[in-house]
Amino acid sequence: MKSGQAKIYGTKKEVINLIKGMPEEVSTTDIMAKLYFHQKVNLGLKELDEGKGISHEEVKERMKKYASVQ
């Protein structure tokens, strides 16, 4: 495993704590969805920390272009 990968995917303890915080009757699909969401949020935060993000104005411009195509 790459050194930065643990931060992106979460440590074993973080994953266990996420699952422990879910209801007993949670489905495997819901667990996977929560882990996927958590991973994507962490990846996005890491990219922002590295200066890879875009401004709010740029997001609004991209959304305008996207909406006009639809």
PDB file of N, CA and C in Angstrom:
ATOM      1  N   MET A   1       0.852  -1.176   0.000  1.00  0.00           N
ATOM      2  CA  MET A   1       0.000   0.000   0.000  1.00  0.00           C
ATOM      3  C   MET A   1       0.894   1.233   0.000  1.00  0.00           C
ATOM      4  N   LYS A   2       0.559   2.217  -0.832  1.00  0.00           N
ATOM      5  CA  LYS A   2       1.311   3.466  -0.874  1.00  0.00           C
ATOM      6  C   LYS A   2       1.123   4.215   0.431  1.00  0.00           C
ATOM      7  N   SER A   3       2.102   5.045   0.782  1.00  0.00           N
ATOM      8  CA  SER A   3       2.041   5.734   2.074  1.00  0.00           C
ATOM      9  C   SER A   3       0.830   6.644   2.199  1.00  0.00           C
ATOM     10  N   GLY A   4       0.441   7.377   1.161  1.00  0.00           N
ATOM     11  CA  GLY A   4      -0.705   8.276   1.233  1.00  0.00           C
ATOM     12  C   GLY A   4      -2.036   7.570   1.082  1.00  0.00           C
ATOM     13  N   GLN A   5      -2.012   6.330   0.656  1.00  0.00           N
ATOM     14  CA  GLN A   5      -3.246   5.607   0.373  1.00  0.00           C
ATOM     15  C   GLN A   5      -4.101   5.402   1.610  1.00  0.00           C
ATOM     16  N   ALA A   6      -3.500   5.204   2.759  1.00  0.00           N
ATOM     17  CA  ALA A   6      -4.274   4.992   3.986  1.00  0.00           C
ATOM     18  C   ALA A   6      -5.146   6.199   4.278  1.00  0.00           C
ATOM     19  N   LYS A   7      -4.645   7.395   4.018  1.00  0.00           N
ATOM     20  CA  LYS A   7      -5.417   8.602   4.273  1.00  0.00           C
ATOM     21  C   LYS A   7      -6.592   8.705   3.312  1.00  0.00           C
ATOM     22  N   ILE A   8      -6.414   8.253   2.091  1.00  0.00           N
ATOM     23  CA  ILE A   8      -7.490   8.319   1.108  1.00  0.00           C
ATOM     24  C   ILE A   8      -8.575   7.304   1.441  1.00  0.00           C
ATOM     25  N   TYR A   9      -8.194   6.081   1.693  1.00  0.00           N
ATOM     26  CA  TYR A   9      -9.165   5.021   1.911  1.00  0.00           C
ATOM     27  C   TYR A   9      -9.609   4.896   3.353  1.00  0.00           C
ATOM     28  N   GLY A  10      -8.886   5.499   4.266  1.00  0.00           N
ATOM     29  CA  GLY A  10      -9.234   5.374   5.675  1.00  0.00           C
ATOM     30  C   GLY A  10      -8.478   4.222   6.296  1.00  0.00           C
ATOM     31  N   THR A  11      -8.175   4.382   7.544  1.00  0.00           N
ATOM     32  CA  THR A  11      -7.495   3.296   8.236  1.00  0.00           C
ATOM     33  C   THR A  11      -8.517   2.235   8.620  1.00  0.00           C
ATOM     34  N   LYS A  12      -8.021   1.092   8.994  1.00  0.00           N
ATOM     35  CA  LYS A  12      -8.892  -0.008   9.406  1.00  0.00           C
ATOM     36  C   LYS A  12      -9.798   0.437  10.549  1.00  0.00           C
ATOM     37  N   LYS A  13      -9.232   1.179  11.515  1.00  0.00           N
ATOM     38  CA  LYS A  13     -10.037   1.659  12.641  1.00  0.00           C
ATOM     39  C   LYS A  13     -11.152   2.594  12.176  1.00  0.00           C
ATOM     40  N   GLU A  14     -10.845   3.486  11.225  1.00  0.00           N
ATOM     41  CA  GLU A  14     -11.870   4.407  10.713  1.00  0.00           C
ATOM     42  C   GLU A  14     -13.006   3.643  10.045  1.00  0.00           C
ATOM     43  N   VAL A  15     -12.649   2.632   9.267  1.00  0.00           N
ATOM     44  CA  VAL A  15     -13.661   1.825   8.579  1.00  0.00           C
ATOM     45  C   VAL A  15     -14.522   1.087   9.598  1.00  0.00           C
ATOM     46  N   ILE A  16     -13.890   0.497  10.588  1.00  0.00           N
ATOM     47  CA  ILE A  16     -14.633  -0.227  11.628  1.00  0.00           C
ATOM     48  C   ILE A  16     -15.563   0.725  12.369  1.00  0.00           C
ATOM     49  N   ASN A  17     -15.071   1.921  12.712  1.00  0.00           N
ATOM     50  CA  ASN A  17     -15.912   2.900  13.410  1.00  0.00           C
ATOM     51  C   ASN A  17     -17.088   3.363  12.559  1.00  0.00           C
ATOM     52  N   LEU A  18     -16.867   3.538  11.256  1.00  0.00           N
ATOM     53  CA  LEU A  18     -17.975   3.898  10.366  1.00  0.00           C
ATOM     54  C   LEU A  18     -19.057   2.820  10.399  1.00  0.00           C
ATOM     55  N   ILE A  19     -18.625   1.577  10.309  1.00  0.00           N
ATOM     56  CA  ILE A  19     -19.579   0.464  10.299  1.00  0.00           C
ATOM     57  C   ILE A  19     -20.274   0.333  11.652  1.00  0.00           C
ATOM     58  N   LYS A  20     -19.523   0.490  12.739  1.00  0.00           N
ATOM     59  CA  LYS A  20     -20.126   0.396  14.072  1.00  0.00           C
ATOM     60  C   LYS A  20     -21.198   1.459  14.290  1.00  0.00           C
ATOM     61  N   GLY A  21     -21.058   2.600  13.648  1.00  0.00           N
ATOM     62  CA  GLY A  21     -22.030   3.681  13.798  1.00  0.00           C
ATOM     63  C   GLY A  21     -23.298   3.480  12.985  1.00  0.00           C
ATOM     64  N   MET A  22     -23.352   2.416  12.200  1.00  0.00           N
ATOM     65  CA  MET A  22     -24.515   2.140  11.364  1.00  0.00           C
ATOM     66  C   MET A  22     -25.471   1.207  12.102  1.00  0.00           C
ATOM     67  N   PRO A  23     -26.739   1.198  11.695  1.00  0.00           N
ATOM     68  CA  PRO A  23     -27.712   0.309  12.339  1.00  0.00           C
ATOM     69  C   PRO A  23     -27.335  -1.167  12.156  1.00  0.00           C
ATOM     70  N   GLU A  24     -27.771  -2.002  13.074  1.00  0.00           N
ATOM     71  CA  GLU A  24     -27.480  -3.439  13.010  1.00  0.00           C
ATOM     72  C   GLU A  24     -27.989  -4.074  11.716  1.00  0.00           C
ATOM     73  N   GLU A  25     -29.123  -3.620  11.232  1.00  0.00           N
ATOM     74  CA  GLU A  25     -29.749  -4.247  10.065  1.00  0.00           C
ATOM     75  C   GLU A  25     -29.270  -3.654   8.739  1.00  0.00           C
ATOM     76  N   VAL A  26     -28.134  -2.972   8.736  1.00  0.00           N
ATOM     77  CA  VAL A  26     -27.619  -2.333   7.528  1.00  0.00           C
ATOM     78  C   VAL A  26     -27.223  -3.394   6.491  1.00  0.00           C
ATOM     79  N   SER A  27     -27.462  -3.073   5.232  1.00  0.00           N
ATOM     80  CA  SER A  27     -27.120  -4.006   4.154  1.00  0.00           C
ATOM     81  C   SER A  27     -25.668  -3.809   3.722  1.00  0.00           C
ATOM     82  N   THR A  28     -25.138  -4.821   3.077  1.00  0.00           N
ATOM     83  CA  THR A  28     -23.785  -4.725   2.535  1.00  0.00           C
ATOM     84  C   THR A  28     -23.699  -3.584   1.531  1.00  0.00           C
ATOM     85  N   THR A  29     -24.740  -3.413   0.743  1.00  0.00           N
ATOM     86  CA  THR A  29     -24.781  -2.324  -0.237  1.00  0.00           C
ATOM     87  C   THR A  29     -24.679  -0.970   0.449  1.00  0.00           C
ATOM     88  N   ASP A  30     -25.402  -0.793   1.554  1.00  0.00           N
ATOM     89  CA  ASP A  30     -25.342   0.471   2.293  1.00  0.00           C
ATOM     90  C   ASP A  30     -23.965   0.694   2.916  1.00  0.00           C
ATOM     91  N   ILE A  31     -23.355  -0.375   3.401  1.00  0.00           N
ATOM     92  CA  ILE A  31     -22.007  -0.262   3.963  1.00  0.00           C
ATOM     93  C   ILE A  31     -21.034   0.179   2.875  1.00  0.00           C
ATOM     94  N   MET A  32     -21.110  -0.476   1.726  1.00  0.00           N
ATOM     95  CA  MET A  32     -20.213  -0.134   0.624  1.00  0.00           C
ATOM     96  C   MET A  32     -20.433   1.302   0.157  1.00  0.00           C
ATOM     97  N   ALA A  33     -21.686   1.731   0.108  1.00  0.00           N
ATOM     98  CA  ALA A  33     -21.992   3.103  -0.310  1.00  0.00           C
ATOM     99  C   ALA A  33     -21.394   4.109   0.667  1.00  0.00           C
ATOM    100  N   LYS A  34     -21.510   3.823   1.952  1.00  0.00           N
ATOM    101  CA  LYS A  34     -20.965   4.729   2.976  1.00  0.00           C
ATOM    102  C   LYS A  34     -19.441   4.781   2.882  1.00  0.00           C
ATOM    103  N   LEU A  35     -18.808   3.635   2.697  1.00  0.00           N
ATOM    104  CA  LEU A  35     -17.355   3.601   2.565  1.00  0.00           C
ATOM    105  C   LEU A  35     -16.898   4.339   1.309  1.00  0.00           C
ATOM    106  N   TYR A  36     -17.624   4.160   0.214  1.00  0.00           N
ATOM    107  CA  TYR A  36     -17.297   4.839  -1.043  1.00  0.00           C
ATOM    108  C   TYR A  36     -17.421   6.351  -0.872  1.00  0.00           C
ATOM    109  N   PHE A  37     -18.514   6.794  -0.256  1.00  0.00           N
ATOM    110  CA  PHE A  37     -18.729   8.221  -0.017  1.00  0.00           C
ATOM    111  C   PHE A  37     -17.604   8.783   0.851  1.00  0.00           C
ATOM    112  N   HIS A  38     -17.286   8.081   1.924  1.00  0.00           N
ATOM    113  CA  HIS A  38     -16.233   8.513   2.843  1.00  0.00           C
ATOM    114  C   HIS A  38     -14.897   8.628   2.108  1.00  0.00           C
ATOM    115  N   GLN A  39     -14.598   7.655   1.270  1.00  0.00           N
ATOM    116  CA  GLN A  39     -13.355   7.668   0.507  1.00  0.00           C
ATOM    117  C   GLN A  39     -13.308   8.860  -0.439  1.00  0.00           C
ATOM    118  N   LYS A  40     -14.404   9.129  -1.135  1.00  0.00           N
ATOM    119  CA  LYS A  40     -14.446  10.244  -2.086  1.00  0.00           C
ATOM    120  C   LYS A  40     -14.312  11.587  -1.379  1.00  0.00           C
ATOM    121  N   VAL A  41     -14.956  11.741  -0.235  1.00  0.00           N
ATOM    122  CA  VAL A  41     -14.833  12.987   0.531  1.00  0.00           C
ATOM    123  C   VAL A  41     -13.387  13.174   0.974  1.00  0.00           C
ATOM    124  N   ASN A  42     -12.772  12.122   1.509  1.00  0.00           N
ATOM    125  CA  ASN A  42     -11.377  12.220   1.945  1.00  0.00           C
ATOM    126  C   ASN A  42     -10.443  12.539   0.785  1.00  0.00           C
ATOM    127  N   LEU A  43     -10.687  11.937  -0.367  1.00  0.00           N
ATOM    128  CA  LEU A  43      -9.872  12.220  -1.544  1.00  0.00           C
ATOM    129  C   LEU A  43     -10.030  13.680  -1.958  1.00  0.00           C
ATOM    130  N   GLY A  44     -11.256  14.182  -1.956  1.00  0.00           N
ATOM    131  CA  GLY A  44     -11.502  15.579  -2.300  1.00  0.00           C
ATOM    132  C   GLY A  44     -10.821  16.532  -1.338  1.00  0.00           C
ATOM    133  N   LEU A  45     -10.883  16.229  -0.059  1.00  0.00           N
ATOM    134  CA  LEU A  45     -10.224  17.075   0.940  1.00  0.00           C
ATOM    135  C   LEU A  45      -8.709  17.052   0.765  1.00  0.00           C
ATOM    136  N   LYS A  46      -8.174  15.879   0.453  1.00  0.00           N
ATOM    137  CA  LYS A  46      -6.734  15.758   0.209  1.00  0.00           C
ATOM    138  C   LYS A  46      -6.335  16.599  -0.998  1.00  0.00           C
ATOM    139  N   GLU A  47      -7.118  16.542  -2.062  1.00  0.00           N
ATOM    140  CA  GLU A  47      -6.821  17.330  -3.257  1.00  0.00           C
ATOM    141  C   GLU A  47      -6.889  18.826  -2.965  1.00  0.00           C
ATOM    142  N   LEU A  48      -7.865  19.243  -2.167  1.00  0.00           N
ATOM    143  CA  LEU A  48      -7.947  20.655  -1.784  1.00  0.00           C
ATOM    144  C   LEU A  48      -6.711  21.075  -0.996  1.00  0.00           C
ATOM    145  N   ASP A  49      -6.276  20.223  -0.073  1.00  0.00           N
ATOM    146  CA  ASP A  49      -5.070  20.512   0.706  1.00  0.00           C
ATOM    147  C   ASP A  49      -3.845  20.663  -0.193  1.00  0.00           C
ATOM    148  N   GLU A  50      -3.847  19.945  -1.317  1.00  0.00           N
ATOM    149  CA  GLU A  50      -2.726  19.999  -2.261  1.00  0.00           C
ATOM    150  C   GLU A  50      -2.891  21.124  -3.278  1.00  0.00           C
ATOM    151  N   GLY A  51      -3.935  21.932  -3.125  1.00  0.00           N
ATOM    152  CA  GLY A  51      -4.159  23.051  -4.040  1.00  0.00           C
ATOM    153  C   GLY A  51      -4.727  22.646  -5.386  1.00  0.00           C
ATOM    154  N   LYS A  52      -5.331  21.474  -5.465  1.00  0.00           N
ATOM    155  CA  LYS A  52      -5.861  20.971  -6.730  1.00  0.00           C
ATOM    156  C   LYS A  52      -7.327  21.336  -6.956  1.00  0.00           C
ATOM    157  N   GLY A  53      -7.930  22.044  -6.029  1.00  0.00           N
ATOM    158  CA  GLY A  53      -9.347  22.378  -6.154  1.00  0.00           C
ATOM    159  C   GLY A  53      -9.580  23.521  -7.126  1.00  0.00           C
ATOM    160  N   ILE A  54     -10.842  23.770  -7.411  1.00  0.00           N
ATOM    161  CA  ILE A  54     -11.213  24.905  -8.252  1.00  0.00           C
ATOM    162  C   ILE A  54     -12.092  25.843  -7.435  1.00  0.00           C
ATOM    163  N   SER A  55     -12.157  27.079  -7.872  1.00  0.00           N
ATOM    164  CA  SER A  55     -12.921  28.086  -7.136  1.00  0.00           C
ATOM    165  C   SER A  55     -14.424  27.849  -7.281  1.00  0.00           C
ATOM    166  N   HIS A  56     -15.174  28.465  -6.384  1.00  0.00           N
ATOM    167  CA  HIS A  56     -16.628  28.394  -6.435  1.00  0.00           C
ATOM    168  C   HIS A  56     -17.132  28.984  -7.746  1.00  0.00           C
ATOM    169  N   GLU A  57     -16.511  30.070  -8.185  1.00  0.00           N
ATOM    170  CA  GLU A  57     -16.895  30.697  -9.454  1.00  0.00           C
ATOM    171  C   GLU A  57     -16.697  29.736 -10.625  1.00  0.00           C
ATOM    172  N   GLU A  58     -15.599  29.006 -10.627  1.00  0.00           N
ATOM    173  CA  GLU A  58     -15.340  28.037 -11.690  1.00  0.00           C
ATOM    174  C   GLU A  58     -16.391  26.928 -11.676  1.00  0.00           C
ATOM    175  N   VAL A  59     -16.780  26.478 -10.512  1.00  0.00           N
ATOM    176  CA  VAL A  59     -17.832  25.462 -10.404  1.00  0.00           C
ATOM    177  C   VAL A  59     -19.127  25.998 -11.001  1.00  0.00           C
ATOM    178  N   LYS A  60     -19.478  27.232 -10.664  1.00  0.00           N
ATOM    179  CA  LYS A  60     -20.716  27.825 -11.193  1.00  0.00           C
ATOM    180  C   LYS A  60     -20.665  27.918 -12.718  1.00  0.00           C
ATOM    181  N   GLU A  61     -19.526  28.303 -13.274  1.00  0.00           N
ATOM    182  CA  GLU A  61     -19.381  28.383 -14.731  1.00  0.00           C
ATOM    183  C   GLU A  61     -19.521  27.005 -15.375  1.00  0.00           C
ATOM    184  N   ARG A  62     -18.893  26.020 -14.772  1.00  0.00           N
ATOM    185  CA  ARG A  62     -18.997  24.660 -15.315  1.00  0.00           C
ATOM    186  C   ARG A  62     -20.435  24.150 -15.253  1.00  0.00           C
ATOM    187  N   MET A  63     -21.129  24.465 -14.171  1.00  0.00           N
ATOM    188  CA  MET A  63     -22.518  24.022 -14.034  1.00  0.00           C
ATOM    189  C   MET A  63     -23.411  24.703 -15.065  1.00  0.00           C
ATOM    190  N   LYS A  64     -23.154  25.973 -15.362  1.00  0.00           N
ATOM    191  CA  LYS A  64     -23.918  26.678 -16.402  1.00  0.00           C
ATOM    192  C   LYS A  64     -23.741  25.978 -17.741  1.00  0.00           C
ATOM    193  N   LYS A  65     -22.495  25.641 -18.074  1.00  0.00           N
ATOM    194  CA  LYS A  65     -22.214  24.951 -19.336  1.00  0.00           C
ATOM    195  C   LYS A  65     -22.895  23.588 -19.363  1.00  0.00           C
ATOM    196  N   TYR A  66     -22.821  22.873 -18.253  1.00  0.00           N
ATOM    197  CA  TYR A  66     -23.435  21.548 -18.164  1.00  0.00           C
ATOM    198  C   TYR A  66     -24.948  21.653 -18.324  1.00  0.00           C
ATOM    199  N   ALA A  67     -25.561  22.621 -17.644  1.00  0.00           N
ATOM    200  CA  ALA A  67     -27.016  22.784 -17.688  1.00  0.00           C
ATOM    201  C   ALA A  67     -27.481  23.179 -19.084  1.00  0.00           C
ATOM    202  N   SER A  68     -26.684  23.941 -19.802  1.00  0.00           N
ATOM    203  CA  SER A  68     -27.094  24.379 -21.140  1.00  0.00           C
ATOM    204  C   SER A  68     -27.038  23.242 -22.153  1.00  0.00           C
ATOM    205  N   VAL A  69     -26.243  22.225 -21.888  1.00  0.00           N
ATOM    206  CA  VAL A  69     -26.139  21.067 -22.780  1.00  0.00           C
ATOM    207  C   VAL A  69     -27.325  20.138 -22.586  1.00  0.00           C
ATOM    208  N   GLN A  70     -27.862  20.091 -21.380  1.00  0.00           N
ATOM    209  CA  GLN A  70     -28.954  19.178 -21.056  1.00  0.00           C
ATOM    210  C   GLN A  70     -30.200  19.589 -21.708  1.00  0.00           C
TER     211      GLN A  70
END
